[in-house]
């Protein structure tokens, strides 16, 4: 048993290596580097070609499984192929978006504490560079990892101001970018850095508190949107499929009935995407982040709609 498991593991590893090598050879470097940067920003420290190789294996496996099931249960072959491609791709996109958002939230939460510690070290007489180096030794998390990198770059001769701006650029944090620009300007003009940094820390702490309050205050609206997207709409519109099956069994099939099923499916897709965008707008004020809600809502809602519209009549028969 152990030997057979080991053999399967070796085969999978060899297959991953061959596919990832093929991807490295065929995909232009600029695209692989761009995807690798997306993974790194999201906190996923795997080689881009290996991630794509795993995605391809999952797609092929689901294609074989869904095509087999489509012949057994008389599924629509085209929908089976689309789902086999969409589910792994959507799952990977959701993981990347989720980890990227989680990493950004961790950075935003750690900025006020980082700035307060920095201000305290400046007050005891340390220079800004030495204070950053001390903080990099004891902190943990994405922000402190980037500070460690920045300290090393400065020691190797990189300009301090460029290094600070690069931290905010890599972490994709506007608050951090504004903070470092303010610090750079204060250093140039000779202002009291400790007081300025502490004031910024207090402002950011209050801003984070306001964001938490806003999220908690809109949760009822979010729950309503989720229920309407994944329960109410699929069940209500799925009844169209049940009605279509009933009319077909009576020999009263028509183009209008088939068109209504297509229209209902299209409505589910549009409704799920819009619900995800509205949830993002309500929770974060940024509609662009709605894709992380739209993808899972779309997959769940359309799956329920498809099951109800095609198999609901069998359940009602019992």
Protein backbone atom coordinates (compact mmCIF):
# COMPACT_ATOMS: atom_id res chain seq x y z
CA UNK A 1 0.00 0.00 0.00
CA UNK A 2 2.78 2.38 0.99
CA UNK A 3 4.80 1.44 -2.10
CA UNK A 4 1.82 2.03 -4.40
CA UNK A 5 1.18 5.44 -2.81
CA UNK A 6 4.87 6.29 -3.24
CA UNK A 7 4.71 5.22 -6.89
CA UNK A 8 1.67 7.43 -7.56
CA UNK A 9 3.43 10.32 -5.84
CA UNK A 10 6.51 9.87 -8.03
CA UNK A 11 4.36 9.75 -11.18
CA UNK A 12 2.53 12.95 -10.20
CA UNK A 13 5.82 14.73 -9.42
CA UNK A 14 7.28 13.66 -12.77
CA UNK A 15 4.14 14.81 -14.56
CA UNK A 16 4.27 18.17 -12.78
CA UNK A 17 7.91 18.57 -13.77
CA UNK A 18 7.24 17.79 -17.44
CA UNK A 19 4.24 20.14 -17.67
CA UNK A 20 6.00 22.97 -15.82
CA UNK A 21 9.04 22.57 -18.07
CA UNK A 22 6.78 22.71 -21.14
CA UNK A 23 5.15 25.88 -19.77
CA UNK A 24 8.56 27.48 -19.15
CA UNK A 25 9.61 26.70 -22.71
CA UNK A 26 6.42 27.81 -24.48
CA UNK A 27 5.09 30.79 -22.50
CA UNK A 28 6.95 34.09 -23.08
CA UNK A 29 9.07 35.15 -20.12
CA UNK A 30 7.27 38.47 -19.65
CA UNK A 31 3.97 36.66 -19.00
CA UNK A 32 5.47 34.11 -16.62
CA UNK A 33 7.30 36.88 -14.75
CA UNK A 34 4.07 38.89 -14.48
CA UNK A 35 2.18 35.89 -13.11
CA UNK A 36 5.02 35.13 -10.71
CA UNK A 37 4.84 38.72 -9.43
CA UNK A 38 1.09 38.30 -8.85
CA UNK A 39 1.77 35.15 -6.82
CA UNK A 40 4.48 36.85 -4.75
CA UNK A 41 2.31 39.89 -4.03
CA UNK A 42 -0.38 37.47 -2.85
CA UNK A 43 2.06 35.73 -0.52
CA UNK A 44 2.15 32.54 -2.61
CA UNK A 45 5.81 31.54 -2.83
CA UNK A 46 5.53 28.83 -5.47
CA UNK A 47 7.04 28.81 -8.95
CA UNK A 48 4.52 30.14 -11.47
CA UNK A 49 5.03 27.25 -13.91
CA UNK A 50 4.32 24.69 -11.15
CA UNK A 51 1.09 26.46 -10.18
CA UNK A 52 -0.04 26.48 -13.82
CA UNK A 53 0.94 22.80 -14.16
CA UNK A 54 -1.27 21.90 -11.16
CA UNK A 55 -4.09 23.95 -12.70
CA UNK A 56 -3.78 22.09 -16.02
CA UNK A 57 -3.82 18.67 -14.28
CA UNK A 58 -6.95 19.63 -12.31
CA UNK A 59 -8.69 20.87 -15.48
CA UNK A 60 -7.87 17.66 -17.38
CA UNK A 61 -9.04 15.49 -14.46
CA UNK A 62 -12.34 17.38 -14.16
CA UNK A 63 -12.83 17.30 -17.94
CA UNK A 64 -12.59 13.50 -17.94
CA UNK A 65 -14.82 13.21 -14.86
CA UNK A 66 -17.51 15.64 -16.05
CA UNK A 67 -17.62 14.24 -19.59
CA UNK A 68 -18.04 10.75 -18.11
CA UNK A 69 -20.83 11.98 -15.81
CA UNK A 70 -22.50 13.87 -18.66
CA UNK A 71 -22.95 10.61 -20.59
CA UNK A 72 -24.22 8.74 -17.54
CA UNK A 73 -26.66 11.37 -16.25
CA UNK A 74 -27.37 13.03 -19.61
CA UNK A 75 -25.81 16.38 -18.69
CA UNK A 76 -25.23 19.08 -21.25
CA UNK A 77 -21.73 18.32 -22.60
CA UNK A 78 -20.88 21.98 -23.26
CA UNK A 79 -21.78 22.99 -19.70
CA UNK A 80 -19.68 20.10 -18.36
CA UNK A 81 -16.65 21.30 -20.32
CA UNK A 82 -17.17 24.91 -19.22
CA UNK A 83 -17.49 23.87 -15.55
CA UNK A 84 -14.39 21.66 -15.77
CA UNK A 85 -12.38 24.66 -16.95
CA UNK A 86 -14.09 27.31 -14.83
CA UNK A 87 -14.03 25.58 -11.43
CA UNK A 88 -10.22 25.10 -11.07
CA UNK A 89 -9.49 28.47 -12.73
CA UNK A 90 -12.04 30.27 -10.55
CA UNK A 91 -10.77 28.47 -7.44
CA UNK A 92 -7.18 29.56 -8.18
CA UNK A 93 -8.33 33.14 -8.86
CA UNK A 94 -10.25 33.18 -5.56
CA UNK A 95 -7.22 31.90 -3.65
CA UNK A 96 -4.95 34.55 -5.20
CA UNK A 97 -7.47 37.33 -4.56
CA UNK A 98 -8.19 36.14 -1.01
CA UNK A 99 -4.53 35.81 -0.04
CA UNK A 100 -3.72 39.15 -1.63
CA UNK A 101 -6.56 40.85 0.28
CA UNK A 102 -5.55 39.06 3.50
CA UNK A 103 -1.96 40.17 3.06
CA UNK A 104 -3.06 43.76 2.42
CA UNK A 105 -5.27 43.71 5.53
CA UNK A 106 -2.39 42.36 7.64
CA UNK A 107 -0.16 45.14 6.33
CA UNK A 108 -2.78 47.83 7.02
CA UNK A 109 -3.32 46.52 10.56
CA UNK A 110 0.40 46.44 11.34
CA UNK A 111 1.21 49.95 10.02
CA UNK A 112 0.00 51.90 13.14
CA UNK A 113 1.96 49.69 15.56
CA UNK A 114 5.02 49.84 13.32
CA UNK A 115 4.90 53.64 13.16
CA UNK A 116 4.42 53.97 16.95
CA UNK A 117 7.44 51.74 17.59
CA UNK A 118 9.42 53.73 15.03
CA UNK A 119 8.49 57.01 16.74
CA UNK A 120 9.54 55.62 20.15
CA UNK A 121 12.94 54.60 18.80
CA UNK A 122 13.47 58.01 17.23
CA UNK A 123 12.70 59.66 20.58
CA UNK A 124 15.44 57.66 22.35
CA UNK A 125 18.01 59.04 19.91
CA UNK A 126 18.31 56.47 17.14
CA UNK A 127 18.62 57.64 13.55
CA UNK A 128 15.82 56.72 11.17
CA UNK A 129 17.96 54.13 9.38
CA UNK A 130 19.08 52.49 12.64
CA UNK A 131 15.52 52.49 13.97
CA UNK A 132 14.31 50.71 10.82
CA UNK A 133 17.07 48.14 11.17
CA UNK A 134 16.16 47.46 14.81
CA UNK A 135 12.49 47.05 13.95
CA UNK A 136 13.32 44.61 11.17
CA UNK A 137 15.00 42.28 13.67
CA UNK A 138 12.01 41.76 15.95
CA UNK A 139 8.85 42.26 13.88
CA UNK A 140 7.03 39.61 11.88
CA UNK A 141 4.63 39.71 8.96
CA UNK A 142 4.67 41.00 5.37
CA UNK A 143 5.50 44.60 6.37
CA UNK A 144 8.50 43.62 8.47
CA UNK A 145 9.71 41.19 5.79
CA UNK A 146 9.78 44.08 3.31
CA UNK A 147 11.56 46.29 5.85
CA UNK A 148 14.25 43.62 6.25
CA UNK A 149 14.66 43.56 2.49
CA UNK A 150 14.84 47.36 2.39
CA UNK A 151 17.51 47.47 5.13
CA UNK A 152 19.65 45.02 3.15
CA UNK A 153 19.20 47.09 -0.03
CA UNK A 154 20.24 50.28 1.78
CA UNK A 155 23.38 48.56 3.12
CA UNK A 156 24.19 47.48 -0.44
CA UNK A 157 24.07 51.11 -1.59
CA UNK A 158 20.49 51.76 -2.67
CA UNK A 159 19.13 55.24 -2.03
CA UNK A 160 17.09 55.42 1.20
CA UNK A 161 14.17 57.33 -0.32
CA UNK A 162 13.91 54.92 -3.27
CA UNK A 163 13.98 51.96 -0.90
CA UNK A 164 11.12 53.38 1.19
CA UNK A 165 8.95 54.05 -1.86
CA UNK A 166 9.71 50.53 -3.15
CA UNK A 167 8.32 49.00 0.06
CA UNK A 168 4.91 50.61 -0.44
CA UNK A 169 4.98 49.71 -4.14
CA UNK A 170 5.63 46.02 -3.44
CA UNK A 171 2.99 45.87 -0.70
CA UNK A 172 0.41 47.80 -2.79
CA UNK A 173 -0.50 49.96 0.21
CA UNK A 174 -1.63 53.55 -0.40
CA UNK A 175 -1.52 54.35 3.33
CA UNK A 176 2.07 53.17 3.52
CA UNK A 177 2.95 55.09 0.37
CA UNK A 178 1.52 58.33 1.79
CA UNK A 179 3.25 57.72 5.13
CA UNK A 180 6.70 57.17 3.61
CA UNK A 181 6.33 60.18 1.32
CA UNK A 182 5.42 62.28 4.36
CA UNK A 183 8.46 60.94 6.23
CA UNK A 184 10.75 61.69 3.29
CA UNK A 185 9.45 65.27 3.06
CA UNK A 186 9.80 65.72 6.83
CA UNK A 187 13.41 64.53 6.66
CA UNK A 188 14.15 67.03 3.91
CA UNK A 189 12.59 69.95 5.77
CA UNK A 190 14.00 69.01 9.16
CA UNK A 191 10.65 68.51 10.92
CA UNK A 192 10.15 66.54 14.12
CA UNK A 193 9.92 63.02 12.70
CA UNK A 194 8.84 61.33 15.94
CA UNK A 195 5.80 63.60 16.40
CA UNK A 196 4.80 63.41 12.74
CA UNK A 197 5.05 59.62 12.67
CA UNK A 198 3.08 59.27 15.91
CA UNK A 199 0.31 61.54 14.58
CA UNK A 200 0.11 59.48 11.38
CA UNK A 201 -0.05 56.31 13.49
CA UNK A 202 -2.99 57.65 15.50
CA UNK A 203 -4.82 58.72 12.32
CA UNK A 204 -4.35 55.32 10.70
CA UNK A 205 -5.51 53.54 13.86
CA UNK A 206 -8.72 55.60 13.84
CA UNK A 207 -9.16 54.92 10.12
CA UNK A 208 -8.87 51.16 10.69
CA UNK A 209 -11.43 51.39 13.48
CA UNK A 210 -13.84 53.20 11.15
CA UNK A 211 -13.39 50.50 8.51
CA UNK A 212 -14.21 47.79 11.05
CA UNK A 213 -17.32 49.66 12.17
CA UNK A 214 -18.46 50.08 8.57
CA UNK A 215 -18.06 46.36 7.84
CA UNK A 216 -20.03 45.35 10.92
CA UNK A 217 -22.81 47.85 10.16
CA UNK A 218 -23.42 46.54 6.64
CA UNK A 219 -23.37 42.80 7.40
CA UNK A 220 -27.18 42.50 7.28
CA UNK A 221 -27.21 43.98 3.76
CA UNK A 222 -24.41 41.62 2.71
CA UNK A 223 -26.26 38.58 4.11
CA UNK A 224 -29.40 39.63 2.22
CA UNK A 225 -27.46 39.92 -1.05
CA UNK A 226 -25.81 36.53 -0.55
CA UNK A 227 -29.14 34.82 0.21
CA UNK A 228 -30.80 36.42 -2.81
CA UNK A 229 -27.90 35.38 -5.08
CA UNK A 230 -27.32 31.76 -3.99
CA UNK A 231 -30.75 30.69 -2.66
CA UNK A 232 -33.68 32.86 -3.75
CA UNK A 233 -32.78 33.44 -7.41
CA UNK A 234 -31.60 29.87 -8.25
CA UNK A 235 -34.63 28.24 -6.59
CA UNK A 236 -37.15 30.67 -8.10
CA UNK A 237 -35.73 30.55 -11.62
CA UNK A 238 -35.01 26.83 -11.37
CA UNK A 239 -38.79 26.32 -11.29
CA UNK A 240 -38.79 27.41 -14.92
CA UNK A 241 -36.82 24.28 -15.76
CA UNK A 242 -39.27 22.14 -13.79
CA UNK A 243 -42.18 23.74 -15.62
CA UNK A 244 -40.39 23.17 -18.95
CA UNK A 245 -39.91 19.48 -18.15
CA UNK A 246 -43.57 19.19 -17.18
CA UNK A 247 -44.74 20.83 -20.42
CA UNK A 248 -42.37 18.65 -22.47
CA UNK A 249 -43.77 15.51 -20.83
CA UNK A 250 -47.23 16.64 -21.96
CA UNK A 251 -45.99 17.07 -25.50
CA UNK A 252 -46.31 20.84 -25.44
CA UNK A 253 -42.69 21.74 -26.03
CA UNK A 254 -42.03 25.10 -27.72
CA UNK A 255 -39.24 27.51 -28.54
CA UNK A 256 -40.54 29.93 -25.90
CA UNK A 257 -39.98 27.36 -23.15
CA UNK A 258 -36.40 26.70 -24.28
CA UNK A 259 -35.74 30.44 -24.59
CA UNK A 260 -37.06 31.02 -21.06
CA UNK A 261 -34.53 28.51 -19.68
CA UNK A 262 -31.67 30.30 -21.45
CA UNK A 263 -32.94 33.67 -20.22
CA UNK A 264 -33.18 32.33 -16.64
CA UNK A 265 -29.61 31.02 -16.77
CA UNK A 266 -28.38 34.32 -18.17
CA UNK A 267 -30.17 36.18 -15.40
CA UNK A 268 -28.49 33.98 -12.76
CA UNK A 269 -25.06 34.81 -14.22
CA UNK A 270 -25.72 38.56 -14.39
CA UNK A 271 -27.37 38.64 -10.95
CA UNK A 272 -24.47 36.78 -9.29
CA UNK A 273 -21.84 39.07 -10.83
CA UNK A 274 -23.77 42.21 -9.88
CA UNK A 275 -24.39 40.91 -6.35
CA UNK A 276 -20.65 40.33 -5.89
CA UNK A 277 -19.82 43.82 -7.14
CA UNK A 278 -22.43 45.40 -4.84
CA UNK A 279 -21.14 43.41 -1.84
CA UNK A 280 -17.63 44.68 -2.54
CA UNK A 281 -18.90 48.24 -2.91
CA UNK A 282 -20.82 48.05 0.37
CA UNK A 283 -18.01 46.41 2.37
CA UNK A 284 -14.91 48.14 1.05
CA UNK A 285 -16.11 51.00 -1.14
CA UNK A 286 -14.18 49.53 -4.08
CA UNK A 287 -16.24 47.84 -6.79
CA UNK A 288 -13.08 46.46 -8.45
CA UNK A 289 -12.62 43.98 -5.60
CA UNK A 290 -16.01 42.46 -6.35
CA UNK A 291 -14.53 39.68 -8.49
CA UNK A 292 -13.55 37.78 -5.33
CA UNK A 293 -17.24 37.65 -4.38
CA UNK A 294 -18.69 37.28 -7.88
CA UNK A 295 -16.76 34.11 -8.79
CA UNK A 296 -17.92 31.91 -5.87
CA UNK A 297 -21.46 33.35 -5.99
CA UNK A 298 -21.65 32.61 -9.71
CA UNK A 299 -20.41 29.02 -9.34
CA UNK A 300 -22.73 28.20 -6.41
CA UNK A 301 -25.79 29.97 -7.85
CA UNK A 302 -25.53 28.50 -11.34
CA UNK A 303 -24.82 25.01 -9.99
CA UNK A 304 -27.97 25.14 -7.84
CA UNK A 305 -29.99 26.56 -10.73
CA UNK A 306 -28.78 23.81 -13.08
CA UNK A 307 -29.52 21.03 -10.57
CA UNK A 308 -33.00 22.35 -9.77
CA UNK A 309 -34.00 23.10 -13.36
CA UNK A 310 -32.84 19.71 -14.67
CA UNK A 311 -33.50 17.36 -11.74
CA UNK A 312 -36.12 19.19 -9.70
CA UNK A 313 -38.94 17.32 -11.42
CA UNK A 314 -37.47 13.99 -10.27
CA UNK A 315 -37.42 15.18 -6.65
CA UNK A 316 -41.03 16.41 -6.88
CA UNK A 317 -42.08 13.06 -8.34
CA UNK A 318 -41.20 11.40 -5.06
